[in-house]
Amino acid sequence: MTKLFMRVYSIIDDAVEKGVNFGMYRAHKHTSTPSEDAIKEAIQSAVMDELTEVIDFDKYEVIDSTETDERSN
């Protein structure tokens, strides 16, 4: 069986970068002077949209490090 190793940090970093860039674009789409809250909301929404493209939040359980440590013993 072939193992596939993913560079998770790089994948998430790319998604966040794309989301921040698109969020800034979206915040300035209809006004040249959006409020700070509008910018934050647009960036947060765009980042989450990008992360949803690479992470299936509904399908996988997130395991915290204490659970992982207990399983390896």
Protein backbone atom coordinates (compact mmCIF):
# COMPACT_ATOMS: atom_id res chain seq x y z
CA MET A 1 0.00 0.00 0.00
CA THR A 2 1.33 3.44 -0.92
CA LYS A 3 1.29 6.07 1.79
CA LEU A 4 0.33 9.65 1.02
CA PHE A 5 1.85 12.38 3.15
CA MET A 6 0.25 15.79 3.02
CA ARG A 7 1.85 19.08 3.94
CA VAL A 8 -1.09 20.17 6.08
CA TYR A 9 0.50 23.41 7.25
CA SER A 10 1.16 24.46 3.66
CA ILE A 11 -2.35 23.55 2.53
CA ILE A 12 -3.96 25.52 5.36
CA ASP A 13 -1.53 28.43 4.92
CA ASP A 14 -2.46 28.67 1.22
CA ALA A 15 -6.17 28.57 2.02
CA VAL A 16 -5.84 31.30 4.67
CA GLU A 17 -3.76 33.49 2.35
CA LYS A 18 -6.31 33.13 -0.46
CA GLY A 19 -9.12 33.88 1.98
CA VAL A 20 -7.46 37.01 3.36
CA ASN A 21 -6.77 38.34 -0.13
CA PHE A 22 -10.28 37.61 -1.36
CA GLY A 23 -11.82 39.00 1.84
CA MET A 24 -9.96 42.29 1.38
CA TYR A 25 -11.16 42.43 -2.23
CA ARG A 26 -14.72 41.62 -1.19
CA ALA A 27 -14.71 44.26 1.59
CA HIS A 28 -13.67 46.94 -0.91
CA LYS A 29 -15.92 45.75 -3.75
CA HIS A 30 -18.71 48.30 -3.27
CA THR A 31 -16.90 51.00 -1.30
CA SER A 32 -13.40 52.37 -1.17
CA THR A 33 -13.68 52.97 2.58
CA PRO A 34 -15.26 49.94 4.28
CA SER A 35 -15.55 49.96 8.06
CA GLU A 36 -13.13 47.92 10.14
CA ASP A 37 -15.96 45.54 11.04
CA ALA A 38 -16.89 45.07 7.37
CA ILE A 39 -13.28 44.23 6.53
CA LYS A 40 -13.01 41.75 9.42
CA GLU A 41 -16.31 40.06 8.49
CA ALA A 42 -15.36 39.78 4.82
CA ILE A 43 -11.95 38.32 5.64
CA GLN A 44 -13.33 35.86 8.20
CA SER A 45 -16.02 34.67 5.79
CA ALA A 46 -13.59 34.28 2.90
CA VAL A 47 -11.02 32.44 5.04
CA MET A 48 -13.66 30.02 6.29
CA ASP A 49 -14.88 29.48 2.71
CA GLU A 50 -11.34 28.61 1.61
CA LEU A 51 -10.77 26.31 4.60
CA THR A 52 -14.03 24.53 3.83
CA GLU A 53 -12.55 23.69 0.43
CA VAL A 54 -9.70 21.71 2.03
CA ILE A 55 -11.25 20.54 5.32
CA ASP A 56 -14.48 18.58 5.69
CA PHE A 57 -15.54 19.88 9.09
CA ASP A 58 -18.61 17.62 9.21
CA LYS A 59 -16.87 14.37 8.36
CA TYR A 60 -13.87 14.14 10.67
CA GLU A 61 -13.55 14.33 14.41
CA VAL A 62 -10.86 16.62 15.75
CA ILE A 63 -8.76 14.85 18.36
CA ASP A 64 -6.93 16.97 20.90
CA SER A 65 -3.34 16.18 21.79
CA THR A 66 -4.21 14.71 25.19
CA GLU A 67 -6.37 12.08 23.52
CA THR A 68 -3.58 11.30 21.05
CA ASP A 69 -1.06 10.91 23.88
CA GLU A 70 -3.38 8.51 25.73
CA ARG A 71 -3.92 6.39 22.61
CA SER A 72 -0.21 5.94 21.98
CA ASN A 73 0.40 4.45 25.46
